Amino acid sequence: MKHIVSGIQPTGSINIGTYLGSIKNFVALQNSYKDHHFYLFIADLHAITIPKDRLKLRKMIKELAAIYLACGLKEERLSLFIQSEIPAHSQMSYLIQCFTYMGELERMTQYKDKAQKQASVSSALFTYPTLMAGDILLYDAEYVPVGDDQKQHLELTRDIAQRINHRFEDFFKVPKPLIPKVGARIMSLADPTVKMSKSDANVKSRIELLDDDNIIRKRIMSAVTDSEGKIYYDKVNKPGLANLMTLMGAVKNESLAAIEAAYQDKTYQTFKEDLATLVIDHLRPIKERYQELIKSDKLDDILEKGRIEAEKIARKKVMKFNHKLGLGRKK
């Protein structure tokens, strides 16, 4: 069976923008690529390039795993695991560093951006792309789902794999990018000119997947619109309303034209009330499934099953690479 590999950082709560723009499409990928097995890991090693509170990090790791499962991923074709529980990820990262050039790492946009913003950066942030390359190459990934911010890292992974293959006769499968269908881009409810973000200091700017129903309703009802009072899509002159219409369309899988037609004679209040009810109803089964998982032993069982499945493949791959390089004792 062919493999698709992806990792997600446990960096905080998931808002509805991330769900509609990313997670929902990842679930759709699993439904589309039925002859592929998915290796999805919680990238906790990537998360510690900046210091984290250990208890909070552990909590976020399990919460994120539960949220992804609650959103509809199918367990039978999924190995869900925690990156740090597979030692081969760290081992492969170092081996790959031996085939990676300083200049390549210095050109990484993500590193350059963070280096400019921070007084000092860790060496782990600098070598971050080799850990990511190891994450992918360990599992002979056929495809890797990537967004715009990850394309450069995957290109480097492909370059490294081809460089090593030139020396060791196609040892690594060279992964291909899988560009998921672009999901809805949901903007801040408080400032529709910026993307909805978990780091926004204004909590009213976002809806988190686990928010209480009353909070969801209040935030939608207080979302920024305009004073015209007519419902039609105009991203330039009516960005607040356009954002709410985009949200409704993404949740209902309905066109903006259909929404315009349905609400041409309705008030903003009616539109917002309907949208709030729609979002609450859509998120309810996700929240219920999440609560079932987080309060039971099932989540640990799934993560343990994923760890065993992933470790079997990853350990074998890194040991083969060790032997190729002449490391250790070959029995």
C-alpha atoms as a PDB file:
ATOM      1  CA  MET A   1       0.000   0.000   0.000  1.00  0.00           C
ATOM      2  CA  LYS A   2       1.214   3.519  -0.795  1.00  0.00           C
ATOM      3  CA  HIS A   3       1.773   6.017   2.004  1.00  0.00           C
ATOM      4  CA  ILE A   4       0.749   9.624   2.641  1.00  0.00           C
ATOM      5  CA  VAL A   5       2.554  11.374   5.502  1.00  0.00           C
ATOM      6  CA  SER A   6       1.682  14.565   7.351  1.00  0.00           C
ATOM      7  CA  GLY A   7       2.515  16.158  10.696  1.00  0.00           C
ATOM      8  CA  ILE A   8       0.751  18.781  12.780  1.00  0.00           C
ATOM      9  CA  GLN A   9       2.222  20.886  15.564  1.00  0.00           C
ATOM     10  CA  PRO A  10       0.470  20.967  18.965  1.00  0.00           C
ATOM     11  CA  THR A  11       0.558  24.746  19.221  1.00  0.00           C
ATOM     12  CA  GLY A  12      -2.851  25.544  20.678  1.00  0.00           C
ATOM     13  CA  SER A  13      -6.575  25.390  20.150  1.00  0.00           C
ATOM     14  CA  ILE A  14      -8.061  24.837  16.693  1.00  0.00           C
ATOM     15  CA  ASN A  15     -10.356  27.547  15.368  1.00  0.00           C
ATOM     16  CA  ILE A  16     -13.048  27.135  12.755  1.00  0.00           C
ATOM     17  CA  GLY A  17     -10.845  28.813  10.152  1.00  0.00           C
ATOM     18  CA  THR A  18      -8.186  26.102  10.513  1.00  0.00           C
ATOM     19  CA  TYR A  19     -10.867  23.422  10.481  1.00  0.00           C
ATOM     20  CA  LEU A  20     -12.548  24.653   7.285  1.00  0.00           C
ATOM     21  CA  GLY A  21      -9.306  25.593   5.553  1.00  0.00           C
ATOM     22  CA  SER A  22      -7.240  22.526   6.446  1.00  0.00           C
ATOM     23  CA  ILE A  23      -8.613  19.726   8.625  1.00  0.00           C
ATOM     24  CA  LYS A  24     -11.833  19.266   6.673  1.00  0.00           C
ATOM     25  CA  ASN A  25      -9.810  18.914   3.473  1.00  0.00           C
ATOM     26  CA  PHE A  26      -7.427  16.426   5.092  1.00  0.00           C
ATOM     27  CA  VAL A  27     -10.442  14.257   5.917  1.00  0.00           C
ATOM     28  CA  ALA A  28     -11.538  14.611   2.284  1.00  0.00           C
ATOM     29  CA  LEU A  29      -8.085  13.448   1.125  1.00  0.00           C
ATOM     30  CA  GLN A  30      -8.456  10.261   3.126  1.00  0.00           C
ATOM     31  CA  ASN A  31     -11.797   9.648   1.459  1.00  0.00           C
ATOM     32  CA  SER A  32     -10.319  10.290  -2.008  1.00  0.00           C
ATOM     33  CA  TYR A  33      -7.075   8.278  -1.721  1.00  0.00           C
ATOM     34  CA  LYS A  34      -8.626   4.991  -0.620  1.00  0.00           C
ATOM     35  CA  ASP A  35      -5.635   2.875  -1.696  1.00  0.00           C
ATOM     36  CA  HIS A  36      -3.243   4.850   0.533  1.00  0.00           C
ATOM     37  CA  HIS A  37      -2.434   4.466   4.211  1.00  0.00           C
ATOM     38  CA  PHE A  38      -2.117   7.718   6.143  1.00  0.00           C
ATOM     39  CA  TYR A  39       0.648   8.334   8.680  1.00  0.00           C
ATOM     40  CA  LEU A  40      -0.379  11.369  10.700  1.00  0.00           C
ATOM     41  CA  PHE A  41       1.804  12.437  13.604  1.00  0.00           C
ATOM     42  CA  ILE A  42       1.641  15.066  16.308  1.00  0.00           C
ATOM     43  CA  ALA A  43       4.874  16.981  15.669  1.00  0.00           C
ATOM     44  CA  ASP A  44       5.894  17.667  19.258  1.00  0.00           C
ATOM     45  CA  LEU A  45       9.625  17.702  18.440  1.00  0.00           C
ATOM     46  CA  HIS A  46       8.996  20.541  16.008  1.00  0.00           C
ATOM     47  CA  ALA A  47       7.063  22.398  18.693  1.00  0.00           C
ATOM     48  CA  ILE A  48      10.014  22.728  21.097  1.00  0.00           C
ATOM     49  CA  THR A  49      12.251  24.866  18.868  1.00  0.00           C
ATOM     50  CA  ILE A  50      10.752  27.555  21.114  1.00  0.00           C
ATOM     51  CA  PRO A  51      10.501  26.642  24.852  1.00  0.00           C
ATOM     52  CA  LYS A  52       7.101  25.326  25.957  1.00  0.00           C
ATOM     53  CA  ASP A  53       5.538  24.601  29.333  1.00  0.00           C
ATOM     54  CA  ARG A  54       5.811  20.806  29.616  1.00  0.00           C
ATOM     55  CA  LEU A  55       2.393  20.195  31.164  1.00  0.00           C
ATOM     56  CA  LYS A  56       0.639  22.462  28.701  1.00  0.00           C
ATOM     57  CA  LEU A  57       2.446  20.815  25.788  1.00  0.00           C
ATOM     58  CA  ARG A  58       1.387  17.323  26.879  1.00  0.00           C
ATOM     59  CA  LYS A  59      -2.191  18.503  27.240  1.00  0.00           C
ATOM     60  CA  MET A  60      -2.172  20.052  23.756  1.00  0.00           C
ATOM     61  CA  ILE A  61      -0.710  16.878  22.220  1.00  0.00           C
ATOM     62  CA  LYS A  62      -3.633  14.741  23.354  1.00  0.00           C
ATOM     63  CA  GLU A  63      -6.212  17.430  22.645  1.00  0.00           C
ATOM     64  CA  LEU A  64      -4.996  17.832  19.068  1.00  0.00           C
ATOM     65  CA  ALA A  65      -5.028  14.082  18.459  1.00  0.00           C
ATOM     66  CA  ALA A  66      -8.597  13.889  19.779  1.00  0.00           C
ATOM     67  CA  ILE A  67      -9.752  16.837  17.665  1.00  0.00           C
ATOM     68  CA  TYR A  68      -8.410  15.343  14.427  1.00  0.00           C
ATOM     69  CA  LEU A  69     -10.137  12.043  15.112  1.00  0.00           C
ATOM     70  CA  ALA A  70     -13.340  13.821  16.115  1.00  0.00           C
ATOM     71  CA  CYS A  71     -13.347  15.662  12.779  1.00  0.00           C
ATOM     72  CA  GLY A  72     -13.838  12.408  10.895  1.00  0.00           C
ATOM     73  CA  LEU A  73     -10.542  10.668  10.119  1.00  0.00           C
ATOM     74  CA  LYS A  74     -11.031   6.937   9.544  1.00  0.00           C
ATOM     75  CA  GLU A  75      -9.018   4.820  11.972  1.00  0.00           C
ATOM     76  CA  GLU A  76      -8.759   1.772   9.709  1.00  0.00           C
ATOM     77  CA  ARG A  77      -6.418   3.516   7.222  1.00  0.00           C
ATOM     78  CA  LEU A  78      -4.673   5.775   9.689  1.00  0.00           C
ATOM     79  CA  SER A  79      -1.634   5.470  11.919  1.00  0.00           C
ATOM     80  CA  LEU A  80      -1.903   8.376  14.349  1.00  0.00           C
ATOM     81  CA  PHE A  81       1.121   8.751  16.608  1.00  0.00           C
ATOM     82  CA  ILE A  82       3.289  11.159  18.585  1.00  0.00           C
ATOM     83  CA  GLN A  83       6.550  12.042  16.838  1.00  0.00           C
ATOM     84  CA  SER A  84       8.794  11.985  19.925  1.00  0.00           C
ATOM     85  CA  GLU A  85       7.701   8.428  20.778  1.00  0.00           C
ATOM     86  CA  ILE A  86       9.490   7.184  17.646  1.00  0.00           C
ATOM     87  CA  PRO A  87      13.272   7.572  18.267  1.00  0.00           C
ATOM     88  CA  ALA A  88      13.958   7.018  14.568  1.00  0.00           C
ATOM     89  CA  HIS A  89      12.710  10.566  13.806  1.00  0.00           C
ATOM     90  CA  SER A  90      15.567  12.142  15.787  1.00  0.00           C
ATOM     91  CA  GLN A  91      18.058   9.575  14.495  1.00  0.00           C
ATOM     92  CA  MET A  92      17.129  10.095  10.859  1.00  0.00           C
ATOM     93  CA  SER A  93      17.267  13.855  11.277  1.00  0.00           C
ATOM     94  CA  TYR A  94      20.967  13.693  12.218  1.00  0.00           C
ATOM     95  CA  LEU A  95      21.822  11.272   9.411  1.00  0.00           C
ATOM     96  CA  ILE A  96      20.144  13.572   6.914  1.00  0.00           C
ATOM     97  CA  GLN A  97      22.055  16.582   8.287  1.00  0.00           C
ATOM     98  CA  CYS A  98      25.197  14.849   7.070  1.00  0.00           C
ATOM     99  CA  PHE A  99      23.895  15.252   3.503  1.00  0.00           C
ATOM    100  CA  THR A 100      22.512  18.778   3.882  1.00  0.00           C
ATOM    101  CA  TYR A 101      24.468  21.954   3.171  1.00  0.00           C
ATOM    102  CA  MET A 102      24.586  25.052   5.382  1.00  0.00           C
ATOM    103  CA  GLY A 103      23.618  27.246   2.456  1.00  0.00           C
ATOM    104  CA  GLU A 104      20.447  25.244   1.886  1.00  0.00           C
ATOM    105  CA  LEU A 105      19.335  25.692   5.486  1.00  0.00           C
ATOM    106  CA  GLU A 106      20.245  29.396   5.495  1.00  0.00           C
ATOM    107  CA  ARG A 107      17.953  29.955   2.512  1.00  0.00           C
ATOM    108  CA  MET A 108      14.882  28.579   4.271  1.00  0.00           C
ATOM    109  CA  THR A 109      12.337  31.408   4.409  1.00  0.00           C
ATOM    110  CA  GLN A 110      10.834  30.290   7.719  1.00  0.00           C
ATOM    111  CA  TYR A 111      14.250  30.362   9.407  1.00  0.00           C
ATOM    112  CA  LYS A 112      15.155  33.763   7.944  1.00  0.00           C
ATOM    113  CA  ASP A 113      11.850  35.300   9.027  1.00  0.00           C
ATOM    114  CA  LYS A 114      12.127  34.062  12.613  1.00  0.00           C
ATOM    115  CA  ALA A 115      15.816  34.958  12.837  1.00  0.00           C
ATOM    116  CA  GLN A 116      14.953  38.571  11.955  1.00  0.00           C
ATOM    117  CA  LYS A 117      12.184  38.771  14.563  1.00  0.00           C
ATOM    118  CA  GLN A 118      14.045  37.123  17.464  1.00  0.00           C
ATOM    119  CA  ALA A 119      17.194  38.290  19.231  1.00  0.00           C
ATOM    120  CA  SER A 120      18.551  34.746  19.091  1.00  0.00           C
ATOM    121  CA  VAL A 121      17.311  31.483  17.629  1.00  0.00           C
ATOM    122  CA  SER A 122      18.104  27.900  18.551  1.00  0.00           C
ATOM    123  CA  SER A 123      20.158  25.622  16.343  1.00  0.00           C
ATOM    124  CA  ALA A 124      17.080  23.355  16.284  1.00  0.00           C
ATOM    125  CA  LEU A 125      15.204  26.041  14.375  1.00  0.00           C
ATOM    126  CA  PHE A 126      18.070  26.150  11.876  1.00  0.00           C
ATOM    127  CA  THR A 127      18.086  22.360  11.367  1.00  0.00           C
ATOM    128  CA  TYR A 128      14.274  22.100  11.504  1.00  0.00           C
ATOM    129  CA  PRO A 129      14.056  21.203   7.760  1.00  0.00           C
ATOM    130  CA  THR A 130      16.213  18.087   8.226  1.00  0.00           C
ATOM    131  CA  LEU A 131      13.882  16.824  10.949  1.00  0.00           C
ATOM    132  CA  MET A 132      10.972  17.440   8.597  1.00  0.00           C
ATOM    133  CA  ALA A 133      12.794  15.613   5.800  1.00  0.00           C
ATOM    134  CA  GLY A 134      13.364  12.656   8.104  1.00  0.00           C
ATOM    135  CA  ASP A 135       9.696  12.633   9.088  1.00  0.00           C
ATOM    136  CA  ILE A 136       8.795  12.117   5.443  1.00  0.00           C
ATOM    137  CA  LEU A 137      11.587   9.847   4.189  1.00  0.00           C
ATOM    138  CA  LEU A 138      11.257   7.386   7.082  1.00  0.00           C
ATOM    139  CA  TYR A 139       7.911   6.180   5.754  1.00  0.00           C
ATOM    140  CA  ASP A 140       8.636   6.080   2.006  1.00  0.00           C
ATOM    141  CA  ALA A 141       5.892   8.632   1.472  1.00  0.00           C
ATOM    142  CA  GLU A 142       4.345   8.682  -1.968  1.00  0.00           C
ATOM    143  CA  TYR A 143       2.664  12.020  -1.270  1.00  0.00           C
ATOM    144  CA  VAL A 144       2.938  14.796   1.291  1.00  0.00           C
ATOM    145  CA  PRO A 145       0.046  17.279   1.634  1.00  0.00           C
ATOM    146  CA  VAL A 146       1.592  20.752   1.619  1.00  0.00           C
ATOM    147  CA  GLY A 147       0.432  24.330   1.866  1.00  0.00           C
ATOM    148  CA  ASP A 148       2.251  27.379   0.505  1.00  0.00           C
ATOM    149  CA  ASP A 149       4.334  27.732   3.678  1.00  0.00           C
ATOM    150  CA  GLN A 150       5.682  24.155   3.390  1.00  0.00           C
ATOM    151  CA  LYS A 151       6.540  23.914  -0.303  1.00  0.00           C
ATOM    152  CA  GLN A 152      10.132  25.046   0.219  1.00  0.00           C
ATOM    153  CA  HIS A 153      10.719  22.414   2.902  1.00  0.00           C
ATOM    154  CA  LEU A 154       9.370  19.646   0.669  1.00  0.00           C
ATOM    155  CA  GLU A 155      11.554  20.817  -2.213  1.00  0.00           C
ATOM    156  CA  LEU A 156      14.582  20.537   0.067  1.00  0.00           C
ATOM    157  CA  THR A 157      13.453  17.066   1.170  1.00  0.00           C
ATOM    158  CA  ARG A 158      13.264  15.987  -2.469  1.00  0.00           C
ATOM    159  CA  ASP A 159      16.744  17.432  -3.170  1.00  0.00           C
ATOM    160  CA  ILE A 160      18.235  15.597  -0.173  1.00  0.00           C
ATOM    161  CA  ALA A 161      16.550  12.320  -1.129  1.00  0.00           C
ATOM    162  CA  GLN A 162      17.854  12.547  -4.689  1.00  0.00           C
ATOM    163  CA  ARG A 163      21.359  13.398  -3.423  1.00  0.00           C
ATOM    164  CA  ILE A 164      21.393  10.340  -1.162  1.00  0.00           C
ATOM    165  CA  ASN A 165      19.862   8.160  -3.885  1.00  0.00           C
ATOM    166  CA  HIS A 166      22.672   9.150  -6.245  1.00  0.00           C
ATOM    167  CA  ARG A 167      25.115   7.606  -3.772  1.00  0.00           C
ATOM    168  CA  PHE A 168      23.027   4.687  -2.515  1.00  0.00           C
ATOM    169  CA  GLU A 169      20.997   3.566  -5.536  1.00  0.00           C
ATOM    170  CA  ASP A 170      17.483   4.865  -4.891  1.00  0.00           C
ATOM    171  CA  PHE A 171      17.395   4.184  -1.170  1.00  0.00           C
ATOM    172  CA  PHE A 172      14.681   6.777  -0.509  1.00  0.00           C
ATOM    173  CA  LYS A 173      11.373   7.221  -2.277  1.00  0.00           C
ATOM    174  CA  VAL A 174      11.272  10.812  -3.554  1.00  0.00           C
ATOM    175  CA  PRO A 175       7.970  12.230  -2.258  1.00  0.00           C
ATOM    176  CA  LYS A 176       5.579  14.182  -4.428  1.00  0.00           C
ATOM    177  CA  PRO A 177       3.627  17.209  -3.200  1.00  0.00           C
ATOM    178  CA  LEU A 178      -0.093  16.780  -2.774  1.00  0.00           C
ATOM    179  CA  ILE A 179      -1.798  20.144  -3.008  1.00  0.00           C
ATOM    180  CA  PRO A 180      -5.150  19.804  -1.256  1.00  0.00           C
ATOM    181  CA  LYS A 181      -8.148  21.668  -2.553  1.00  0.00           C
ATOM    182  CA  VAL A 182      -7.951  25.203  -1.202  1.00  0.00           C
ATOM    183  CA  GLY A 183     -10.302  25.479   1.747  1.00  0.00           C
ATOM    184  CA  ALA A 184     -12.251  28.522   2.764  1.00  0.00           C
ATOM    185  CA  ARG A 185     -10.113  31.375   4.044  1.00  0.00           C
ATOM    186  CA  ILE A 186     -11.947  32.560   7.133  1.00  0.00           C
ATOM    187  CA  MET A 187     -11.029  35.999   8.430  1.00  0.00           C
ATOM    188  CA  SER A 188     -11.168  37.530  11.908  1.00  0.00           C
ATOM    189  CA  LEU A 189     -14.677  38.268  13.161  1.00  0.00           C
ATOM    190  CA  ALA A 190     -13.359  41.493  14.681  1.00  0.00           C
ATOM    191  CA  ASP A 191     -11.156  42.622  11.791  1.00  0.00           C
ATOM    192  CA  PRO A 192     -12.065  40.950   8.477  1.00  0.00           C
ATOM    193  CA  THR A 193      -8.898  42.250   6.805  1.00  0.00           C
ATOM    194  CA  VAL A 194      -6.753  39.688   8.688  1.00  0.00           C
ATOM    195  CA  LYS A 195      -6.970  35.915   8.875  1.00  0.00           C
ATOM    196  CA  MET A 196      -8.642  34.292  11.872  1.00  0.00           C
ATOM    197  CA  SER A 197      -5.844  33.285  14.244  1.00  0.00           C
ATOM    198  CA  LYS A 198      -5.421  31.569  17.585  1.00  0.00           C
ATOM    199  CA  SER A 199      -2.704  34.099  18.468  1.00  0.00           C
ATOM    200  CA  ASP A 200      -5.024  37.118  18.143  1.00  0.00           C
ATOM    201  CA  ALA A 201      -5.253  38.853  21.546  1.00  0.00           C
ATOM    202  CA  ASN A 202      -8.933  39.589  20.908  1.00  0.00           C
ATOM    203  CA  VAL A 203     -10.794  36.349  21.735  1.00  0.00           C
ATOM    204  CA  LYS A 204     -13.915  37.725  20.010  1.00  0.00           C
ATOM    205  CA  SER A 205     -12.044  37.492  16.709  1.00  0.00           C
ATOM    206  CA  ARG A 206     -12.411  33.716  16.446  1.00  0.00           C
ATOM    207  CA  ILE A 207     -14.543  30.657  17.034  1.00  0.00           C
ATOM    208  CA  GLU A 208     -12.730  27.661  18.471  1.00  0.00           C
ATOM    209  CA  LEU A 209     -14.019  24.174  17.728  1.00  0.00           C
ATOM    210  CA  LEU A 210     -14.597  23.407  21.400  1.00  0.00           C
ATOM    211  CA  ASP A 211     -16.290  26.704  22.287  1.00  0.00           C
ATOM    212  CA  ASP A 212     -19.571  26.609  24.189  1.00  0.00           C
ATOM    213  CA  ASP A 213     -22.691  27.121  22.031  1.00  0.00           C
ATOM    214  CA  ASN A 214     -23.493  30.423  23.744  1.00  0.00           C
ATOM    215  CA  ILE A 215     -20.010  31.757  23.041  1.00  0.00           C
ATOM    216  CA  ILE A 216     -20.282  30.802  19.359  1.00  0.00           C
ATOM    217  CA  ARG A 217     -23.631  32.575  19.048  1.00  0.00           C
ATOM    218  CA  LYS A 218     -22.396  35.724  20.811  1.00  0.00           C
ATOM    219  CA  ARG A 219     -19.282  35.987  18.657  1.00  0.00           C
ATOM    220  CA  ILE A 220     -21.178  35.612  15.406  1.00  0.00           C
ATOM    221  CA  MET A 221     -23.868  38.067  16.480  1.00  0.00           C
ATOM    222  CA  SER A 222     -21.191  40.632  17.405  1.00  0.00           C
ATOM    223  CA  ALA A 223     -19.088  40.049  14.268  1.00  0.00           C
ATOM    224  CA  VAL A 224     -18.159  43.166  12.288  1.00  0.00           C
ATOM    225  CA  THR A 225     -20.361  43.907   9.252  1.00  0.00           C
ATOM    226  CA  ASP A 226     -21.416  47.305   7.828  1.00  0.00           C
ATOM    227  CA  SER A 227     -24.313  49.765   7.971  1.00  0.00           C
ATOM    228  CA  GLU A 228     -25.818  49.181   4.513  1.00  0.00           C
ATOM    229  CA  GLY A 229     -28.114  46.368   5.605  1.00  0.00           C
ATOM    230  CA  LYS A 230     -28.221  44.539   2.245  1.00  0.00           C
ATOM    231  CA  ILE A 231     -26.911  41.007   1.915  1.00  0.00           C
ATOM    232  CA  TYR A 232     -24.663  40.410  -1.075  1.00  0.00           C
ATOM    233  CA  TYR A 233     -21.021  39.395  -1.520  1.00  0.00           C
ATOM    234  CA  ASP A 234     -18.545  42.269  -1.897  1.00  0.00           C
ATOM    235  CA  LYS A 235     -15.145  41.454  -0.414  1.00  0.00           C
ATOM    236  CA  VAL A 236     -13.772  44.965  -0.991  1.00  0.00           C
ATOM    237  CA  ASN A 237     -16.589  47.171   0.267  1.00  0.00           C
ATOM    238  CA  LYS A 238     -18.296  44.724   2.641  1.00  0.00           C
ATOM    239  CA  PRO A 239     -15.451  42.546   4.004  1.00  0.00           C
ATOM    240  CA  GLY A 240     -17.199  41.680   7.265  1.00  0.00           C
ATOM    241  CA  LEU A 241     -20.360  40.400   5.610  1.00  0.00           C
ATOM    242  CA  ALA A 242     -18.310  38.712   2.867  1.00  0.00           C
ATOM    243  CA  ASN A 243     -16.399  36.825   5.563  1.00  0.00           C
ATOM    244  CA  LEU A 244     -19.598  35.621   7.233  1.00  0.00           C
ATOM    245  CA  MET A 245     -21.028  34.560   3.868  1.00  0.00           C
ATOM    246  CA  THR A 246     -17.807  32.633   3.162  1.00  0.00           C
ATOM    247  CA  LEU A 247     -18.161  30.935   6.537  1.00  0.00           C
ATOM    248  CA  MET A 248     -21.765  29.948   5.798  1.00  0.00           C
ATOM    249  CA  GLY A 249     -20.865  28.687   2.335  1.00  0.00           C
ATOM    250  CA  ALA A 250     -17.989  26.567   3.651  1.00  0.00           C
ATOM    251  CA  VAL A 251     -20.081  24.970   6.385  1.00  0.00           C
ATOM    252  CA  LYS A 252     -23.080  24.307   4.100  1.00  0.00           C
ATOM    253  CA  ASN A 253     -21.017  23.496   0.967  1.00  0.00           C
ATOM    254  CA  GLU A 254     -23.145  26.084  -0.791  1.00  0.00           C
ATOM    255  CA  SER A 255     -22.259  28.783  -3.305  1.00  0.00           C
ATOM    256  CA  LEU A 256     -22.180  32.468  -2.436  1.00  0.00           C
ATOM    257  CA  ALA A 257     -24.751  33.092  -5.170  1.00  0.00           C
ATOM    258  CA  ALA A 258     -27.164  30.681  -3.488  1.00  0.00           C
ATOM    259  CA  ILE A 259     -26.671  32.435  -0.151  1.00  0.00           C
ATOM    260  CA  GLU A 260     -27.289  35.824  -1.754  1.00  0.00           C
ATOM    261  CA  ALA A 261     -30.523  34.561  -3.285  1.00  0.00           C
ATOM    262  CA  ALA A 262     -31.739  33.043  -0.017  1.00  0.00           C
ATOM    263  CA  TYR A 263     -31.094  36.217   1.997  1.00  0.00           C
ATOM    264  CA  GLN A 264     -31.774  39.020  -0.486  1.00  0.00           C
ATOM    265  CA  ASP A 265     -34.787  40.233   1.511  1.00  0.00           C
ATOM    266  CA  LYS A 266     -33.510  39.296   4.994  1.00  0.00           C
ATOM    267  CA  THR A 267     -31.851  41.402   7.704  1.00  0.00           C
ATOM    268  CA  TYR A 268     -28.315  41.066   9.002  1.00  0.00           C
ATOM    269  CA  GLN A 269     -29.721  39.883  12.324  1.00  0.00           C
ATOM    270  CA  THR A 270     -31.659  37.048  10.677  1.00  0.00           C
ATOM    271  CA  PHE A 271     -28.579  36.086   8.631  1.00  0.00           C
ATOM    272  CA  LYS A 272     -26.344  36.052  11.709  1.00  0.00           C
ATOM    273  CA  GLU A 273     -28.867  34.075  13.759  1.00  0.00           C
ATOM    274  CA  ASP A 274     -29.107  31.460  11.015  1.00  0.00           C
ATOM    275  CA  LEU A 275     -25.318  31.335  10.677  1.00  0.00           C
ATOM    276  CA  ALA A 276     -24.845  30.886  14.419  1.00  0.00           C
ATOM    277  CA  THR A 277     -27.347  28.009  14.494  1.00  0.00           C
ATOM    278  CA  LEU A 278     -25.685  26.432  11.452  1.00  0.00           C
ATOM    279  CA  VAL A 279     -22.186  26.569  12.997  1.00  0.00           C
ATOM    280  CA  ILE A 280     -23.392  25.286  16.375  1.00  0.00           C
ATOM    281  CA  ASP A 281     -25.195  22.339  14.759  1.00  0.00           C
ATOM    282  CA  HIS A 282     -22.182  21.550  12.547  1.00  0.00           C
ATOM    283  CA  LEU A 283     -19.693  21.544  15.434  1.00  0.00           C
ATOM    284  CA  ARG A 284     -21.897  19.671  17.918  1.00  0.00           C
ATOM    285  CA  PRO A 285     -21.022  16.111  16.751  1.00  0.00           C
ATOM    286  CA  ILE A 286     -17.329  17.048  16.623  1.00  0.00           C
ATOM    287  CA  LYS A 287     -17.444  18.305  20.223  1.00  0.00           C
ATOM    288  CA  GLU A 288     -19.394  15.251  21.369  1.00  0.00           C
ATOM    289  CA  ARG A 289     -16.918  12.874  19.710  1.00  0.00           C
ATOM    290  CA  TYR A 290     -14.024  14.848  21.184  1.00  0.00           C
ATOM    291  CA  GLN A 291     -15.437  14.539  24.710  1.00  0.00           C
ATOM    292  CA  GLU A 292     -15.896  10.796  24.237  1.00  0.00           C
ATOM    293  CA  LEU A 293     -12.275  10.395  23.169  1.00  0.00           C
ATOM    294  CA  ILE A 294     -10.610  12.688  25.684  1.00  0.00           C
ATOM    295  CA  LYS A 295     -12.429  11.065  28.631  1.00  0.00           C
ATOM    296  CA  SER A 296     -11.825   7.435  27.646  1.00  0.00           C
ATOM    297  CA  ASP A 297      -8.884   5.114  27.115  1.00  0.00           C
ATOM    298  CA  LYS A 298      -9.678   4.842  23.399  1.00  0.00           C
ATOM    299  CA  LEU A 299      -7.450   7.777  22.441  1.00  0.00           C
ATOM    300  CA  ASP A 300      -4.430   6.195  24.133  1.00  0.00           C
ATOM    301  CA  ASP A 301      -5.258   2.891  22.457  1.00  0.00           C
ATOM    302  CA  ILE A 302      -5.315   4.591  19.038  1.00  0.00           C
ATOM    303  CA  LEU A 303      -2.055   6.449  19.708  1.00  0.00           C
ATOM    304  CA  GLU A 304      -0.374   3.268  20.948  1.00  0.00           C
ATOM    305  CA  LYS A 305      -1.536   1.328  17.890  1.00  0.00           C
ATOM    306  CA  GLY A 306      -0.197   4.134  15.693  1.00  0.00           C
ATOM    307  CA  ARG A 307       3.116   4.165  17.569  1.00  0.00           C
ATOM    308  CA  ILE A 308       3.623   0.435  17.073  1.00  0.00           C
ATOM    309  CA  GLU A 309       2.761   0.604  13.369  1.00  0.00           C
ATOM    310  CA  ALA A 310       4.968   3.634  12.728  1.00  0.00           C
ATOM    311  CA  GLU A 311       7.913   2.436  14.810  1.00  0.00           C
ATOM    312  CA  LYS A 312       8.068  -0.866  12.947  1.00  0.00           C
ATOM    313  CA  ILE A 313       8.560   0.934   9.625  1.00  0.00           C
ATOM    314  CA  ALA A 314      10.691   3.827  10.905  1.00  0.00           C
ATOM    315  CA  ARG A 315      13.131   1.706  12.918  1.00  0.00           C
ATOM    316  CA  LYS A 316      13.677  -0.624   9.971  1.00  0.00           C
ATOM    317  CA  LYS A 317      14.364   2.302   7.632  1.00  0.00           C
ATOM    318  CA  VAL A 318      16.846   4.039   9.923  1.00  0.00           C
ATOM    319  CA  MET A 319      18.709   0.783  10.629  1.00  0.00           C
ATOM    320  CA  LYS A 320      19.016   0.130   6.892  1.00  0.00           C
ATOM    321  CA  PHE A 321      20.434   3.633   6.446  1.00  0.00           C
ATOM    322  CA  ASN A 322      22.890   3.046   9.302  1.00  0.00           C
ATOM    323  CA  HIS A 323      24.122  -0.060   7.512  1.00  0.00           C
ATOM    324  CA  LYS A 324      24.431   1.827   4.228  1.00  0.00           C
ATOM    325  CA  LEU A 325      26.605   4.383   6.001  1.00  0.00           C
ATOM    326  CA  GLY A 326      28.760   1.754   7.735  1.00  0.00           C
ATOM    327  CA  LEU A 327      27.538   2.537  11.246  1.00  0.00           C
ATOM    328  CA  GLY A 328      27.442   0.020  14.081  1.00  0.00           C
ATOM    329  CA  ARG A 329      27.990  -3.729  13.747  1.00  0.00           C
ATOM    330  CA  LYS A 330      26.275  -5.555  10.947  1.00  0.00           C
ATOM    331  CA  LYS A 331      25.379  -9.053  12.089  1.00  0.00           C
END
